[in-house]
């Protein structure tokens, strides 16, 4: 009987503490980082609206690169140009070398790195070993990228570079963005506007199977 009484008394005390705790309420505003209730979506909750450039291609102002050879941002409106598909890539109409320089004002031509194929032809030999450009390899890891194959694509855009928006993005015009104190240091004098991935810069420090 004493044991049962102790158990009963403990249950009563626990219930009292539980119900006493339930009497103090917690406001919805204090549950998260947002300090508004969960039923309203005012400007103080949603923040600034993202706004992209509406300037048409050829009328926009180029955006300086964030660092040397950074993929340039897209300064113009891309409505109707994305998503890029195998049958629709309007970027190539203006940014192809030879065409880009002839436009007024000139567009940014893609660099020679976009016209070289860095992917070795990969296969499986009869013994099950992986082959890179026809050579069987035991380990595809190489600090010198020894299994990279650099092939000229005859002046055409390579497949790996075809989807422009995998690297190039539009810039949002946000007036209340956090301050950016980063200062770029370019290795080339014109690094803020031009790519240096040409000539030997493409193959520095690479031991390759074929060039």
Protein backbone atom coordinates (compact mmCIF):
# COMPACT_ATOMS: atom_id res chain seq x y z
CA UNK A 1 0.00 0.00 0.00
CA UNK A 2 2.84 2.35 0.78
CA UNK A 3 4.42 1.71 -2.61
CA UNK A 4 1.09 2.37 -4.40
CA UNK A 5 0.59 5.56 -2.41
CA UNK A 6 4.03 6.84 -3.38
CA UNK A 7 3.34 6.12 -7.05
CA UNK A 8 -0.04 7.84 -6.87
CA UNK A 9 1.43 10.86 -5.10
CA UNK A 10 4.19 11.16 -7.72
CA UNK A 11 1.62 11.05 -10.51
CA UNK A 12 -0.44 13.80 -8.89
CA UNK A 13 2.61 16.04 -8.43
CA UNK A 14 3.73 15.47 -12.05
CA UNK A 15 0.25 16.30 -13.34
CA UNK A 16 0.18 19.47 -11.31
CA UNK A 17 3.52 20.61 -12.70
CA UNK A 18 2.38 19.81 -16.27
CA UNK A 19 -0.87 21.76 -16.01
CA UNK A 20 0.89 24.63 -14.27
CA UNK A 21 3.33 24.83 -17.19
CA UNK A 22 0.49 24.86 -19.70
CA UNK A 23 -0.97 27.96 -18.10
CA UNK A 24 1.94 30.14 -19.40
CA UNK A 25 1.55 30.72 -23.16
CA UNK A 26 4.28 31.25 -25.77
CA UNK A 27 3.58 33.85 -28.46
CA UNK A 28 3.89 32.89 -32.11
CA UNK A 29 6.17 35.88 -32.72
CA UNK A 30 8.80 34.40 -30.41
CA UNK A 31 8.88 30.95 -32.04
CA UNK A 32 11.21 31.84 -34.91
CA UNK A 33 13.47 34.49 -36.38
CA UNK A 34 10.61 36.33 -38.06
CA UNK A 35 8.88 38.66 -35.63
CA UNK A 36 5.46 38.63 -37.27
CA UNK A 37 2.57 36.28 -36.66
CA UNK A 38 2.07 33.23 -38.85
CA UNK A 39 -1.09 34.56 -40.50
CA UNK A 40 0.21 37.71 -42.19
CA UNK A 41 2.74 38.17 -44.97
CA UNK A 42 3.51 41.87 -44.97
CA UNK A 43 6.61 43.55 -46.38
CA UNK A 44 8.31 43.19 -43.02
CA UNK A 45 8.09 39.41 -43.51
CA UNK A 46 8.68 38.88 -47.23
CA UNK A 47 11.54 41.39 -47.59
CA UNK A 48 12.72 43.00 -50.82
CA UNK A 49 11.45 41.65 -54.12
CA UNK A 50 14.08 40.26 -56.46
CA UNK A 51 14.43 42.37 -59.58
CA UNK A 52 16.46 41.51 -62.66
CA UNK A 53 17.57 43.79 -65.48
CA UNK A 54 14.96 44.51 -68.13
CA UNK A 55 17.52 45.95 -70.56
CA UNK A 56 17.56 44.15 -73.88
CA UNK A 57 20.73 42.48 -75.12
CA UNK A 58 23.04 45.11 -76.60
CA UNK A 59 21.70 47.96 -74.46
CA UNK A 60 22.85 46.83 -71.03
CA UNK A 61 26.05 47.76 -69.16
CA UNK A 62 28.59 45.01 -68.63
CA UNK A 63 29.17 43.88 -65.05
CA UNK A 64 32.79 43.67 -63.90
CA UNK A 65 33.96 40.19 -62.97
CA UNK A 66 34.26 39.30 -59.32
CA UNK A 67 37.79 37.89 -59.78
CA UNK A 68 40.21 36.93 -62.53
CA UNK A 69 38.49 34.69 -65.08
CA UNK A 70 35.24 34.56 -63.13
CA UNK A 71 32.27 33.64 -65.34
CA UNK A 72 30.80 37.04 -66.30
CA UNK A 73 27.33 37.87 -65.02
CA UNK A 74 24.52 38.32 -67.54
CA UNK A 75 23.64 42.05 -67.57
CA UNK A 76 20.58 41.90 -69.85
CA UNK A 77 17.08 40.48 -69.74
CA UNK A 78 16.92 36.73 -70.45
CA UNK A 79 13.16 36.35 -70.77
CA UNK A 80 12.45 33.93 -73.59
CA UNK A 81 16.08 32.77 -73.66
CA UNK A 82 15.94 30.29 -70.79
CA UNK A 83 15.82 27.47 -70.15
CA UNK A 84 18.50 26.53 -72.67
CA UNK A 85 17.71 23.34 -74.55
CA UNK A 86 19.53 21.29 -77.16
CA UNK A 87 17.35 22.92 -79.82
CA UNK A 88 17.31 26.46 -78.43
CA UNK A 89 20.41 28.35 -77.32
CA UNK A 90 20.02 32.00 -78.25
CA UNK A 91 23.27 32.91 -76.46
CA UNK A 92 25.31 31.46 -79.32
CA UNK A 93 23.83 33.93 -81.80
CA UNK A 94 25.62 36.92 -80.24
CA UNK A 95 28.51 35.52 -78.20
CA UNK A 96 30.16 33.35 -80.87
CA UNK A 97 33.71 34.62 -81.59
CA UNK A 98 33.75 36.54 -84.85
CA UNK A 99 30.13 37.56 -84.40
CA UNK A 100 30.44 39.10 -80.93
CA UNK A 101 33.15 41.54 -81.97
CA UNK A 102 31.16 42.73 -85.00
CA UNK A 103 28.10 43.77 -83.01
CA UNK A 104 27.46 47.37 -81.94
CA UNK A 105 28.24 47.56 -79.12
CA UNK A 106 30.46 44.43 -79.14
CA UNK A 107 29.25 41.44 -77.13
CA UNK A 108 31.55 39.31 -74.99
CA UNK A 109 32.87 36.40 -77.10
CA UNK A 110 33.35 33.06 -75.41
CA UNK A 111 37.07 32.27 -74.89
CA UNK A 112 39.06 29.51 -76.59
CA UNK A 113 38.60 27.29 -73.51
CA UNK A 114 34.96 26.89 -74.57
CA UNK A 115 36.07 25.45 -77.90
CA UNK A 116 38.32 22.73 -76.46
CA UNK A 117 37.18 19.37 -75.18
CA UNK A 118 38.86 18.46 -71.88
CA UNK A 119 36.99 15.19 -71.46
CA UNK A 120 38.92 12.04 -72.33
CA UNK A 121 37.00 9.32 -74.11
CA UNK A 122 36.24 6.85 -71.33
CA UNK A 123 35.45 3.17 -71.79
CA UNK A 124 35.83 -0.31 -70.32
CA UNK A 125 38.44 -2.77 -71.61
CA UNK A 126 37.74 -6.48 -72.05
CA UNK A 127 39.45 -7.19 -68.74
CA UNK A 128 37.11 -4.75 -66.98
CA UNK A 129 39.68 -1.97 -66.50
CA UNK A 130 38.75 1.64 -67.16
CA UNK A 131 40.26 3.19 -70.28
CA UNK A 132 41.00 6.87 -70.81
CA UNK A 133 41.58 7.90 -74.42
CA UNK A 134 42.34 4.26 -75.26
CA UNK A 135 44.78 3.68 -72.39
CA UNK A 136 43.86 1.33 -69.54
CA UNK A 137 44.33 2.92 -66.13
CA UNK A 138 44.20 1.52 -62.61
CA UNK A 139 43.55 4.78 -60.80
CA UNK A 140 41.85 7.76 -62.40
CA UNK A 141 43.03 10.13 -59.65
CA UNK A 142 46.04 12.24 -60.61
CA UNK A 143 47.36 15.46 -59.08
CA UNK A 144 48.79 16.31 -62.51
CA UNK A 145 45.51 15.39 -64.24
CA UNK A 146 47.49 12.92 -66.29
CA UNK A 147 44.38 11.42 -67.88
CA UNK A 148 42.96 14.70 -69.14
CA UNK A 149 42.71 14.87 -72.91
CA UNK A 150 42.71 18.27 -74.59
CA UNK A 151 41.18 18.19 -78.05
CA UNK A 152 40.39 21.11 -80.35
CA UNK A 153 36.69 21.23 -81.25
CA UNK A 154 37.32 22.92 -84.61
CA UNK A 155 36.18 26.33 -83.41
CA UNK A 156 32.80 25.03 -82.22
CA UNK A 157 31.32 25.29 -78.74
CA UNK A 158 31.92 22.03 -76.85
CA UNK A 159 29.02 20.11 -75.38
CA UNK A 160 30.27 20.62 -71.82
CA UNK A 161 29.95 24.40 -72.31
CA UNK A 162 26.63 24.39 -74.18
CA UNK A 163 24.43 25.08 -71.15
CA UNK A 164 25.56 28.68 -70.54
CA UNK A 165 23.47 29.20 -67.40
CA UNK A 166 25.31 26.47 -65.49
CA UNK A 167 28.05 29.10 -64.94
CA UNK A 168 26.58 32.44 -66.04
CA UNK A 169 23.73 34.00 -64.07
CA UNK A 170 21.72 37.20 -64.10
CA UNK A 171 22.38 39.83 -61.43
CA UNK A 172 19.58 40.80 -59.09
CA UNK A 173 19.13 44.53 -58.48
CA UNK A 174 18.57 44.63 -54.72
CA UNK A 175 18.85 48.01 -53.03
CA UNK A 176 18.98 46.72 -49.46
CA UNK A 177 21.58 43.96 -49.91
CA UNK A 178 24.34 43.36 -47.32
CA UNK A 179 27.45 45.42 -48.00
CA UNK A 180 30.14 43.64 -50.00
CA UNK A 181 33.66 44.71 -48.97
CA UNK A 182 35.49 42.22 -51.18
CA UNK A 183 38.08 43.85 -53.44
CA UNK A 184 39.17 41.91 -56.50
CA UNK A 185 42.83 41.77 -57.49
CA UNK A 186 43.23 40.89 -61.17
CA UNK A 187 46.34 39.27 -62.61
CA UNK A 188 45.65 40.96 -65.96
CA UNK A 189 45.08 44.68 -66.45
CA UNK A 190 41.83 43.99 -68.29
CA UNK A 191 40.84 41.10 -66.02
CA UNK A 192 37.64 42.84 -64.93
CA UNK A 193 36.20 42.54 -68.42
CA UNK A 194 38.17 39.89 -70.34
CA UNK A 195 39.10 36.23 -69.93
CA UNK A 196 42.73 35.11 -69.91
CA UNK A 197 41.96 31.45 -70.61
CA UNK A 198 43.75 31.41 -73.93
CA UNK A 199 46.93 29.88 -75.30
CA UNK A 200 49.25 28.22 -72.80
CA UNK A 201 47.09 29.30 -69.85
CA UNK A 202 44.82 26.38 -70.73
CA UNK A 203 47.52 23.75 -70.30
CA UNK A 204 49.83 25.12 -67.60
CA UNK A 205 50.96 22.38 -65.19
CA UNK A 206 49.04 19.65 -67.02
CA UNK A 207 50.53 16.34 -68.12
CA UNK A 208 48.15 15.10 -70.76
CA UNK A 209 47.79 12.02 -72.92
CA UNK A 210 46.90 13.99 -76.04
CA UNK A 211 46.81 17.63 -76.98
